[in-house]
Amino acid sequence: MESESGIFKQILQGKLDLESEPWPNVSDSAKDLIKNMLERDPRKRISAHDVTLGSLMIELPQTGLWILQCCHA
């Protein structure tokens, strides 16, 4: 599993690795959303408003975990 600082460094470099742990357990639609939220070009980056319009957060009972259900085309 990657360290938090390693992930931040990848984000800043625009080279986020979505293949190694924990990413294989994340849905393709959620990974697409993350890529769109972290787009370096602000003209191409999805807005927070657009994220809330096309996504649904669901809490898993008794786990403290949340699922991001993405509905973006």
N, C-alpha and C. Protein backbone atom coordinates (compact mmCIF):
# COMPACT_ATOMS: atom_id res chain seq x y z
N MET A 1 0.85 -1.18 0.00
CA MET A 1 0.00 0.00 0.00
C MET A 1 0.89 1.24 0.00
N GLU A 2 0.49 2.21 -0.77
CA GLU A 2 1.27 3.43 -0.88
C GLU A 2 1.07 4.32 0.34
N SER A 3 2.10 5.10 0.65
CA SER A 3 1.99 6.02 1.77
C SER A 3 1.19 7.25 1.32
N GLU A 4 0.65 7.94 2.30
CA GLU A 4 -0.12 9.15 2.01
C GLU A 4 0.75 10.19 1.31
N SER A 5 1.99 10.34 1.77
CA SER A 5 2.87 11.33 1.14
C SER A 5 3.22 10.91 -0.29
N GLY A 6 3.34 9.61 -0.53
CA GLY A 6 3.60 9.12 -1.88
C GLY A 6 2.44 9.41 -2.82
N ILE A 7 1.23 9.26 -2.33
CA ILE A 7 0.04 9.56 -3.13
C ILE A 7 -0.02 11.05 -3.43
N PHE A 8 0.25 11.90 -2.43
CA PHE A 8 0.24 13.35 -2.64
C PHE A 8 1.27 13.75 -3.70
N LYS A 9 2.44 13.13 -3.64
CA LYS A 9 3.49 13.44 -4.61
C LYS A 9 3.03 13.07 -6.03
N GLN A 10 2.38 11.90 -6.16
CA GLN A 10 1.85 11.48 -7.47
C GLN A 10 0.80 12.46 -7.98
N ILE A 11 -0.06 12.92 -7.08
CA ILE A 11 -1.10 13.88 -7.48
C ILE A 11 -0.46 15.16 -8.01
N LEU A 12 0.52 15.67 -7.28
CA LEU A 12 1.19 16.91 -7.70
C LEU A 12 1.90 16.75 -9.03
N GLN A 13 2.39 15.56 -9.31
CA GLN A 13 3.09 15.30 -10.57
C GLN A 13 2.11 14.93 -11.69
N GLY A 14 0.84 14.73 -11.34
CA GLY A 14 -0.15 14.35 -12.34
C GLY A 14 0.01 12.92 -12.81
N LYS A 15 0.57 12.07 -11.96
CA LYS A 15 0.83 10.68 -12.34
C LYS A 15 0.32 9.74 -11.25
N LEU A 16 -0.95 9.80 -10.96
CA LEU A 16 -1.53 8.97 -9.92
C LEU A 16 -1.64 7.52 -10.38
N ASP A 17 -1.09 6.60 -9.60
CA ASP A 17 -1.13 5.17 -9.89
C ASP A 17 -2.42 4.59 -9.32
N LEU A 18 -3.35 4.24 -10.19
CA LEU A 18 -4.63 3.68 -9.73
C LEU A 18 -4.68 2.17 -9.94
N GLU A 19 -3.51 1.54 -10.02
CA GLU A 19 -3.45 0.09 -10.23
C GLU A 19 -3.04 -0.67 -8.97
N SER A 20 -2.14 -0.08 -8.16
CA SER A 20 -1.67 -0.77 -6.96
C SER A 20 -2.65 -0.55 -5.81
N GLU A 21 -2.45 -1.30 -4.71
CA GLU A 21 -3.34 -1.23 -3.55
C GLU A 21 -3.48 0.21 -3.07
N PRO A 22 -4.62 0.65 -2.69
CA PRO A 22 -5.90 -0.05 -2.51
C PRO A 22 -6.80 0.03 -3.74
N TRP A 23 -6.29 0.55 -4.85
CA TRP A 23 -7.11 0.87 -6.01
C TRP A 23 -7.80 -0.30 -6.70
N PRO A 24 -7.24 -1.53 -6.71
CA PRO A 24 -7.97 -2.62 -7.37
C PRO A 24 -9.37 -2.88 -6.77
N ASN A 25 -9.57 -2.45 -5.53
CA ASN A 25 -10.86 -2.64 -4.87
C ASN A 25 -11.83 -1.48 -5.10
N VAL A 26 -11.40 -0.50 -5.87
CA VAL A 26 -12.22 0.69 -6.15
C VAL A 26 -12.83 0.54 -7.54
N SER A 27 -14.10 0.86 -7.66
CA SER A 27 -14.80 0.71 -8.95
C SER A 27 -14.19 1.61 -10.02
N ASP A 28 -14.34 1.19 -11.27
CA ASP A 28 -13.83 1.99 -12.39
C ASP A 28 -14.49 3.36 -12.44
N SER A 29 -15.78 3.43 -12.13
CA SER A 29 -16.46 4.72 -12.17
C SER A 29 -15.94 5.66 -11.08
N ALA A 30 -15.63 5.11 -9.91
CA ALA A 30 -15.06 5.94 -8.84
C ALA A 30 -13.65 6.41 -9.22
N LYS A 31 -12.86 5.53 -9.86
CA LYS A 31 -11.52 5.92 -10.30
C LYS A 31 -11.61 7.01 -11.38
N ASP A 32 -12.58 6.89 -12.28
CA ASP A 32 -12.77 7.93 -13.29
C ASP A 32 -13.11 9.26 -12.64
N LEU A 33 -13.97 9.22 -11.64
CA LEU A 33 -14.33 10.45 -10.93
C LEU A 33 -13.11 11.06 -10.26
N ILE A 34 -12.30 10.23 -9.61
CA ILE A 34 -11.09 10.73 -8.94
C ILE A 34 -10.15 11.36 -9.96
N LYS A 35 -9.97 10.70 -11.10
CA LYS A 35 -9.11 11.27 -12.15
C LYS A 35 -9.64 12.63 -12.61
N ASN A 36 -10.96 12.72 -12.78
CA ASN A 36 -11.56 13.99 -13.21
C ASN A 36 -11.44 15.07 -12.15
N MET A 37 -11.51 14.70 -10.88
CA MET A 37 -11.38 15.67 -9.79
C MET A 37 -9.94 16.15 -9.64
N LEU A 38 -8.97 15.30 -10.02
CA LEU A 38 -7.56 15.64 -9.86
C LEU A 38 -6.92 16.12 -11.16
N GLU A 39 -7.71 16.36 -12.17
CA GLU A 39 -7.21 16.87 -13.45
C GLU A 39 -6.44 18.17 -13.20
N ARG A 40 -5.23 18.24 -13.71
CA ARG A 40 -4.38 19.42 -13.45
C ARG A 40 -4.87 20.65 -14.20
N ASP A 41 -5.47 20.46 -15.36
CA ASP A 41 -5.97 21.59 -16.16
C ASP A 41 -7.33 22.01 -15.61
N PRO A 42 -7.43 23.19 -15.00
CA PRO A 42 -8.69 23.62 -14.39
C PRO A 42 -9.85 23.70 -15.37
N ARG A 43 -9.56 23.90 -16.66
CA ARG A 43 -10.64 23.97 -17.66
C ARG A 43 -11.25 22.60 -17.91
N LYS A 44 -10.48 21.54 -17.66
CA LYS A 44 -10.96 20.17 -17.87
C LYS A 44 -11.43 19.51 -16.57
N ARG A 45 -11.03 20.08 -15.43
CA ARG A 45 -11.34 19.49 -14.12
C ARG A 45 -12.83 19.58 -13.82
N ILE A 46 -13.39 18.51 -13.28
CA ILE A 46 -14.80 18.50 -12.88
C ILE A 46 -14.97 19.39 -11.65
N SER A 47 -16.06 20.11 -11.60
CA SER A 47 -16.30 21.00 -10.46
C SER A 47 -16.93 20.22 -9.30
N ALA A 48 -16.80 20.78 -8.10
CA ALA A 48 -17.42 20.16 -6.93
C ALA A 48 -18.93 20.08 -7.12
N HIS A 49 -19.49 21.08 -7.74
CA HIS A 49 -20.93 21.09 -8.01
C HIS A 49 -21.31 19.93 -8.91
N ASP A 50 -20.54 19.69 -9.97
CA ASP A 50 -20.83 18.57 -10.87
C ASP A 50 -20.69 17.23 -10.16
N VAL A 51 -19.73 17.13 -9.24
CA VAL A 51 -19.56 15.89 -8.48
C VAL A 51 -20.80 15.59 -7.66
N THR A 52 -21.32 16.62 -6.99
CA THR A 52 -22.50 16.39 -6.14
C THR A 52 -23.74 16.08 -6.97
N LEU A 53 -23.80 16.57 -8.19
CA LEU A 53 -24.96 16.29 -9.04
C LEU A 53 -24.97 14.86 -9.54
N GLY A 54 -23.79 14.27 -9.74
CA GLY A 54 -23.74 12.97 -10.38
C GLY A 54 -23.24 11.84 -9.51
N SER A 55 -23.18 12.03 -8.20
CA SER A 55 -22.65 10.99 -7.32
C SER A 55 -23.54 10.83 -6.10
N LEU A 56 -23.42 9.70 -5.48
CA LEU A 56 -24.21 9.40 -4.29
C LEU A 56 -23.30 8.74 -3.26
N MET A 57 -23.26 9.29 -2.05
CA MET A 57 -22.48 8.70 -0.98
C MET A 57 -23.38 7.82 -0.14
N ILE A 58 -22.96 6.58 0.10
CA ILE A 58 -23.74 5.63 0.87
C ILE A 58 -22.88 5.10 2.01
N GLU A 59 -23.38 5.17 3.25
CA GLU A 59 -22.63 4.67 4.40
C GLU A 59 -22.96 3.19 4.60
N LEU A 60 -21.91 2.38 4.79
CA LEU A 60 -22.11 0.96 5.08
C LEU A 60 -22.33 0.82 6.57
N PRO A 61 -23.46 0.27 6.97
CA PRO A 61 -23.79 0.16 8.40
C PRO A 61 -22.72 -0.58 9.19
N GLN A 62 -22.41 -0.09 10.37
CA GLN A 62 -21.52 -0.71 11.34
C GLN A 62 -20.09 -0.88 10.85
N THR A 63 -19.69 -0.16 9.81
CA THR A 63 -18.31 -0.28 9.31
C THR A 63 -17.55 1.03 9.39
N GLY A 64 -18.27 2.15 9.38
CA GLY A 64 -17.62 3.44 9.30
C GLY A 64 -17.11 3.75 7.91
N LEU A 65 -17.45 2.91 6.94
CA LEU A 65 -17.00 3.10 5.56
C LEU A 65 -18.11 3.71 4.72
N TRP A 66 -17.69 4.42 3.69
CA TRP A 66 -18.63 5.02 2.77
C TRP A 66 -18.33 4.51 1.37
N ILE A 67 -19.38 4.39 0.56
CA ILE A 67 -19.24 4.02 -0.85
C ILE A 67 -19.63 5.23 -1.67
N LEU A 68 -18.83 5.52 -2.67
CA LEU A 68 -19.15 6.60 -3.60
C LEU A 68 -19.72 5.95 -4.85
N GLN A 69 -21.00 6.12 -5.07
CA GLN A 69 -21.63 5.59 -6.27
C GLN A 69 -21.63 6.70 -7.31
N CYS A 70 -20.93 6.45 -8.40
CA CYS A 70 -20.77 7.45 -9.44
C CYS A 70 -21.76 7.21 -10.56
N CYS A 71 -22.32 8.28 -11.02
CA CYS A 71 -23.32 8.20 -12.07
C CYS A 71 -22.91 9.03 -13.27
N HIS A 72 -21.62 9.31 -13.44
CA HIS A 72 -21.14 10.16 -14.53
C HIS A 72 -21.02 9.37 -15.81
N ALA A 73 -21.31 10.01 -16.91
CA ALA A 73 -21.18 9.35 -18.20
C ALA A 73 -19.76 9.44 -18.68
